[in-house]
Amino acid sequence: MTENKIIHEGEITLGEMIIPCYVLEDGTRVLSGRGLQEALKMVDTDEESKPTSGARLNRYLEQKSLQTYIYKGKEPGHYDPIICYQGDKKINGFEATILADICDAFLEARNNITLSSRQKIIADQCEILIRGFARIGIIALIDEATGYQYERERYELQKILTAYVSDEILKWQLTFTDEFYREVYRLWGLPFIPKYIKIKPSFIGTLTNKYIYDQLPKGVVEKIKDNTPKTEKGNWKYKFHQSLTPEVGREHLKKQIIEVTTLMSVSSDKSQFDTLFTSKYKQSSQLKISFEE
């Protein structure tokens, strides 16, 4: 008798990503190794588009900087792959719940150490996945408790997850990074605390326009304003970046955010930042803004 025989198979869709999934005879839920690492964005841009199953995942699990968090409270073989069989076909996978373990580990690492640029991309993706699965989990529990699970459409939970994760990915792609705001607050002497993170002081908008949007190609901001309606109170109804095209506008915006964040990060104060910014963009940028703390 074949061990780890697959008795059910399917796919989990996360935005544009697809993770093949399986159920074994003993009830073990398994995720495809390749699908798992692609969902976690564990693929470098200069590598082949389809890395070998689990190879990239194992490399990250073995990184020394992450060991404390990856194996916290875990046995040495916790992340061992599972070889399962679909007839004569051999499939490399991982027990499904390690996806949550990996996400928890990367998020804890992000809170405690400085991650590499690639590690941070993975950590951000982990947060997107955790949020999506948490919502689906509570819905599934209610459906099971009420018996609705037997009446709902087979792919209803999948559709909810796809819609949520897609929206969450879009939201993350279009927002300014925490690093950008952290550096602004540092240079302008404002503490980076929940009070100012949730409701940003009004001068932040002025800085954002000056250092980011005003550096976009001529005419872009004017076009964005033309396409963005206002509320009855005269405020912009949507954030400017929501009007940018994904292929060109959004990429230019992200590049500008990264450049300005880098200049701020190497500046000891506003004056030095102004000098660096002016040198790079050939214009005076210093804004004398006051605000009430």
Protein backbone atom coordinates (compact mmCIF):
# COMPACT_ATOMS: atom_id res chain seq x y z
CA MET A 1 0.00 0.00 0.00
CA THR A 2 1.35 3.41 -1.00
CA GLU A 3 2.08 5.77 1.89
CA ASN A 4 0.87 9.37 1.77
CA LYS A 5 -1.67 8.61 -0.91
CA ILE A 6 -3.64 11.65 -2.10
CA ILE A 7 -7.41 11.17 -1.91
CA HIS A 8 -8.52 14.76 -2.64
CA GLU A 9 -6.91 17.61 -4.52
CA GLY A 10 -7.70 21.23 -5.32
CA GLU A 11 -6.25 24.73 -5.63
CA ILE A 12 -6.18 27.80 -3.40
CA THR A 13 -6.19 31.04 -5.38
CA LEU A 14 -4.49 34.07 -3.80
CA GLY A 15 -4.77 37.02 -6.14
CA GLU A 16 -2.77 35.90 -9.19
CA MET A 17 -1.11 33.03 -7.33
CA ILE A 18 -2.32 29.44 -7.20
CA ILE A 19 -1.32 26.90 -4.54
CA PRO A 20 -2.15 23.26 -5.37
CA CYS A 21 -3.40 21.53 -2.22
CA TYR A 22 -4.10 17.94 -1.25
CA VAL A 23 -5.65 15.76 1.45
CA LEU A 24 -3.93 12.46 2.27
CA GLU A 25 -5.57 9.21 3.39
CA ASP A 26 -4.72 9.93 7.03
CA GLY A 27 -6.35 13.39 6.82
CA THR A 28 -3.13 15.38 6.53
CA ARG A 29 -3.60 18.62 4.58
CA VAL A 30 -0.70 19.37 2.25
CA LEU A 31 0.33 22.41 0.22
CA SER A 32 2.51 22.21 -2.88
CA GLY A 33 6.11 23.20 -2.09
CA ARG A 34 6.45 25.29 -5.22
CA GLY A 35 3.06 26.94 -4.70
CA LEU A 36 3.88 27.68 -1.07
CA GLN A 37 7.11 29.52 -1.82
CA GLU A 38 5.52 31.46 -4.68
CA ALA A 39 2.67 32.56 -2.37
CA LEU A 40 5.29 33.82 0.08
CA LYS A 41 7.18 35.61 -2.74
CA MET A 42 10.27 33.54 -2.03
CA VAL A 43 11.54 34.01 -5.56
CA ASP A 44 14.30 36.43 -6.55
CA THR A 45 13.69 38.47 -9.68
CA ASP A 46 16.90 37.24 -11.29
CA GLU A 47 16.04 33.59 -10.86
CA GLU A 48 14.02 31.24 -13.03
CA SER A 49 10.30 31.93 -12.85
CA LYS A 50 9.61 28.36 -11.68
CA PRO A 51 12.13 27.36 -9.02
CA THR A 52 12.31 23.75 -7.86
CA SER A 53 9.68 22.70 -5.35
CA GLY A 54 10.57 23.96 -1.87
CA ALA A 55 14.21 24.78 -2.70
CA ARG A 56 13.85 28.52 -2.09
CA LEU A 57 11.69 27.88 1.00
CA ASN A 58 14.34 25.65 2.57
CA ARG A 59 17.00 28.26 1.90
CA TYR A 60 15.06 30.87 3.88
CA LEU A 61 14.31 28.43 6.68
CA GLU A 62 18.05 27.94 7.06
CA GLN A 63 19.06 31.62 7.15
CA LYS A 64 20.87 32.33 10.41
CA SER A 65 19.21 35.69 11.02
CA LEU A 66 15.79 33.99 11.04
CA GLN A 67 16.61 30.81 12.99
CA THR A 68 15.50 32.19 16.36
CA TYR A 69 12.06 32.98 15.00
CA ILE A 70 11.58 30.11 12.52
CA TYR A 71 12.30 27.36 15.04
CA LYS A 72 10.93 29.03 18.18
CA GLY A 73 9.13 26.23 20.06
CA LYS A 74 9.49 23.87 17.08
CA GLU A 75 11.13 20.48 16.73
CA PRO A 76 14.07 20.19 14.29
CA GLY A 77 12.00 18.28 11.71
CA HIS A 78 8.96 20.55 11.92
CA TYR A 79 9.43 21.93 8.40
CA ASP A 80 10.43 18.67 6.72
CA PRO A 81 8.76 18.24 3.31
CA ILE A 82 6.16 15.53 2.70
CA ILE A 83 6.45 13.27 -0.32
CA CYS A 84 2.95 12.26 -1.39
CA TYR A 85 1.58 10.29 -4.31
CA GLN A 86 -1.14 10.86 -6.85
CA GLY A 87 -1.21 7.44 -8.45
CA ASP A 88 2.37 6.97 -9.67
CA LYS A 89 3.07 10.70 -9.67
CA LYS A 90 5.29 11.94 -6.83
CA ILE A 91 4.46 15.37 -5.37
CA ASN A 92 6.64 17.43 -3.01
CA GLY A 93 4.64 19.30 -0.40
CA PHE A 94 4.48 20.61 3.14
CA GLU A 95 1.97 20.14 5.92
CA ALA A 96 -0.48 23.00 5.41
CA THR A 97 -0.29 24.67 8.83
CA ILE A 98 3.42 25.44 8.48
CA LEU A 99 2.35 28.31 6.22
CA ALA A 100 0.94 30.00 9.33
CA ASP A 101 4.10 29.11 11.30
CA ILE A 102 6.31 30.69 8.64
CA CYS A 103 4.14 33.81 8.51
CA ASP A 104 4.24 34.16 12.30
CA ALA A 105 8.01 33.76 12.29
CA PHE A 106 8.63 36.41 9.61
CA LEU A 107 6.27 38.89 11.28
CA GLU A 108 7.97 38.41 14.65
CA ALA A 109 11.36 38.82 12.99
CA ARG A 110 10.17 42.02 11.30
CA ASN A 111 9.23 43.41 14.70
CA ASN A 112 12.58 42.60 16.28
CA ILE A 113 15.38 42.76 13.73
CA THR A 114 16.29 44.61 10.55
CA LEU A 115 15.31 42.42 7.64
CA SER A 116 16.98 42.34 4.26
CA SER A 117 14.99 43.86 1.40
CA ARG A 118 13.93 40.40 0.20
CA GLN A 119 13.04 39.24 3.72
CA LYS A 120 10.89 42.34 4.18
CA ILE A 121 8.98 41.61 0.97
CA ILE A 122 8.24 38.13 2.33
CA ALA A 123 7.22 39.50 5.73
CA ASP A 124 4.81 41.97 4.12
CA GLN A 125 3.34 39.12 2.07
CA CYS A 126 2.97 37.07 5.26
CA GLU A 127 0.85 39.79 6.81
CA ILE A 128 -1.40 39.87 3.76
CA LEU A 129 -1.89 36.08 3.92
CA ILE A 130 -2.47 35.99 7.68
CA ARG A 131 -5.15 38.66 7.45
CA GLY A 132 -6.88 36.86 4.61
CA PHE A 133 -6.85 33.46 6.31
CA ALA A 134 -8.07 34.94 9.61
CA ARG A 135 -11.20 36.26 7.92
CA ILE A 136 -11.89 32.98 6.16
CA GLY A 137 -11.31 31.07 9.41
CA ILE A 138 -14.05 32.85 11.35
CA ILE A 139 -16.48 32.46 8.45
CA ALA A 140 -15.73 28.73 8.24
CA LEU A 141 -16.21 28.29 12.00
CA ILE A 142 -19.61 29.99 11.90
CA ASP A 143 -20.66 27.93 8.88
CA GLU A 144 -19.67 24.71 10.66
CA ALA A 145 -21.40 25.70 13.91
CA THR A 146 -24.65 26.59 12.13
CA GLY A 147 -24.58 23.79 9.59
CA TYR A 148 -24.44 26.26 6.71
CA GLN A 149 -21.28 24.56 5.42
CA TYR A 150 -23.52 21.91 3.85
CA GLU A 151 -25.59 24.46 1.95
CA ARG A 152 -22.99 26.97 0.77
CA GLU A 153 -21.58 26.85 -2.71
CA ARG A 154 -18.46 24.71 -2.88
CA TYR A 155 -16.10 27.58 -3.77
CA GLU A 156 -17.76 30.33 -1.73
CA LEU A 157 -14.94 30.57 0.83
CA GLN A 158 -12.39 30.55 -1.97
CA LYS A 159 -14.14 33.48 -3.65
CA ILE A 160 -14.18 35.45 -0.39
CA LEU A 161 -10.49 34.75 0.18
CA THR A 162 -9.55 35.68 -3.38
CA ALA A 163 -11.45 38.96 -3.20
CA TYR A 164 -9.98 39.89 0.18
CA VAL A 165 -6.38 38.96 -0.59
CA SER A 166 -6.52 40.71 -3.96
CA ASP A 167 -7.78 43.90 -2.32
CA GLU A 168 -5.18 43.61 0.43
CA ILE A 169 -2.33 43.09 -2.05
CA LEU A 170 -3.50 46.12 -4.05
CA LYS A 171 -3.72 48.17 -0.86
CA TRP A 172 -0.15 47.28 0.11
CA GLN A 173 1.18 47.91 -3.36
CA LEU A 174 -0.30 51.40 -3.46
CA THR A 175 0.51 52.70 0.00
CA PHE A 176 3.59 54.51 1.20
CA THR A 177 5.96 52.41 3.27
CA ASP A 178 6.35 52.61 7.04
CA GLU A 179 9.99 53.50 6.46
CA PHE A 180 8.98 56.63 4.55
CA TYR A 181 6.81 57.92 7.40
CA ARG A 182 9.27 56.81 10.08
CA GLU A 183 12.02 58.89 8.47
CA VAL A 184 9.71 61.90 7.99
CA TYR A 185 8.71 61.78 11.64
CA ARG A 186 12.33 61.43 12.74
CA LEU A 187 13.54 64.43 10.74
CA TRP A 188 10.59 66.59 11.75
CA GLY A 189 10.84 65.62 15.42
CA LEU A 190 7.55 63.76 15.71
CA PRO A 191 7.35 60.46 17.61
CA PHE A 192 6.48 57.43 15.50
CA ILE A 193 3.57 56.32 17.68
CA PRO A 194 0.08 54.93 16.89
CA LYS A 195 -1.55 58.32 17.46
CA TYR A 196 0.34 59.89 14.55
CA ILE A 197 0.49 56.75 12.41
CA LYS A 198 -3.28 56.29 12.31
CA ILE A 199 -4.17 59.98 11.94
CA LYS A 200 -1.26 61.74 10.29
CA PRO A 201 -0.69 65.47 10.94
CA SER A 202 -1.84 67.66 8.06
CA PHE A 203 1.71 68.76 7.21
CA ILE A 204 2.49 65.18 6.11
CA GLY A 205 0.30 65.71 3.05
CA THR A 206 2.22 68.86 2.13
CA LEU A 207 5.54 67.04 2.46
CA THR A 208 4.26 64.13 0.40
CA ASN A 209 3.18 66.44 -2.42
CA LYS A 210 6.48 68.33 -2.37
CA TYR A 211 8.91 65.42 -2.18
CA ILE A 212 6.95 62.75 -4.04
CA TYR A 213 4.13 63.86 -6.32
CA ASP A 214 5.77 67.08 -7.51
CA GLN A 215 8.72 65.00 -8.74
CA LEU A 216 6.56 62.94 -11.08
CA PRO A 217 6.70 63.88 -14.79
CA LYS A 218 5.19 67.24 -15.67
CA GLY A 219 1.42 67.21 -15.94
CA VAL A 220 0.87 63.97 -13.99
CA VAL A 221 -0.36 65.59 -10.77
CA GLU A 222 -2.67 67.93 -12.69
CA LYS A 223 -4.15 64.96 -14.53
CA ILE A 224 -4.61 63.05 -11.28
CA LYS A 225 -6.44 66.00 -9.75
CA ASP A 226 -8.70 66.24 -12.79
CA ASN A 227 -9.61 62.56 -12.39
CA THR A 228 -10.09 62.64 -8.61
CA PRO A 229 -13.50 63.85 -7.36
CA LYS A 230 -13.97 65.81 -4.16
CA THR A 231 -16.35 65.30 -1.24
CA GLU A 232 -19.01 67.82 -0.24
CA LYS A 233 -16.49 69.28 2.21
CA GLY A 234 -14.00 69.89 -0.57
CA ASN A 235 -11.57 67.08 0.33
CA TRP A 236 -10.15 64.68 -2.24
CA LYS A 237 -12.37 61.60 -2.32
CA TYR A 238 -9.51 59.20 -3.14
CA LYS A 239 -5.76 59.14 -2.54
CA PHE A 240 -3.81 60.41 -5.52
CA HIS A 241 -1.88 57.18 -6.02
CA GLN A 242 -5.12 55.30 -6.74
CA SER A 243 -5.33 57.11 -10.08
CA LEU A 244 -1.90 56.02 -11.26
CA THR A 245 -1.55 53.35 -13.92
CA PRO A 246 -0.09 50.06 -12.63
CA GLU A 247 2.52 49.67 -15.36
CA VAL A 248 4.05 53.17 -15.40
CA GLY A 249 2.61 55.56 -12.85
CA ARG A 250 2.71 53.22 -9.86
CA GLU A 251 6.24 52.05 -10.63
CA HIS A 252 7.47 55.65 -10.94
CA LEU A 253 5.78 56.49 -7.64
CA LYS A 254 7.40 53.55 -5.85
CA LYS A 255 10.80 54.52 -7.26
CA GLN A 256 10.36 58.09 -6.02
CA ILE A 257 9.33 56.92 -2.54
CA ILE A 258 12.38 54.66 -2.30
CA GLU A 259 14.75 57.42 -3.44
CA VAL A 260 13.40 60.01 -1.00
CA THR A 261 13.29 57.50 1.86
CA THR A 262 16.94 56.68 1.21
CA LEU A 263 17.93 60.35 1.25
CA MET A 264 16.08 60.86 4.53
CA SER A 265 17.63 57.76 6.10
CA VAL A 266 21.19 59.09 5.57
CA SER A 267 20.34 62.59 6.80
CA SER A 268 20.89 63.61 10.41
CA ASP A 269 18.42 66.50 10.25
CA LYS A 270 16.07 68.43 7.93
CA SER A 271 18.84 70.76 6.79
CA GLN A 272 21.05 67.93 5.58
CA PHE A 273 18.09 66.27 3.89
CA ASP A 274 17.27 69.55 2.13
CA THR A 275 20.84 69.78 0.85
CA LEU A 276 20.79 66.20 -0.46
CA PHE A 277 17.32 66.55 -1.96
CA THR A 278 18.18 69.83 -3.67
CA SER A 279 21.39 68.33 -5.02
CA LYS A 280 19.56 65.39 -6.52
CA TYR A 281 16.48 67.17 -7.84
CA LYS A 282 18.07 70.59 -8.48
CA GLN A 283 15.52 72.65 -6.59
CA SER A 284 14.89 74.10 -3.15
CA SER A 285 12.73 71.77 -1.09
CA GLN A 286 12.92 72.90 2.53
CA LEU A 287 9.44 73.43 3.93
CA LYS A 288 9.09 75.48 7.08
CA ILE A 289 6.07 73.85 8.66
CA SER A 290 4.81 74.18 12.19
CA PHE A 291 2.39 71.85 13.87
CA GLU A 292 0.84 71.35 17.25
CA GLU A 293 1.92 68.21 19.03
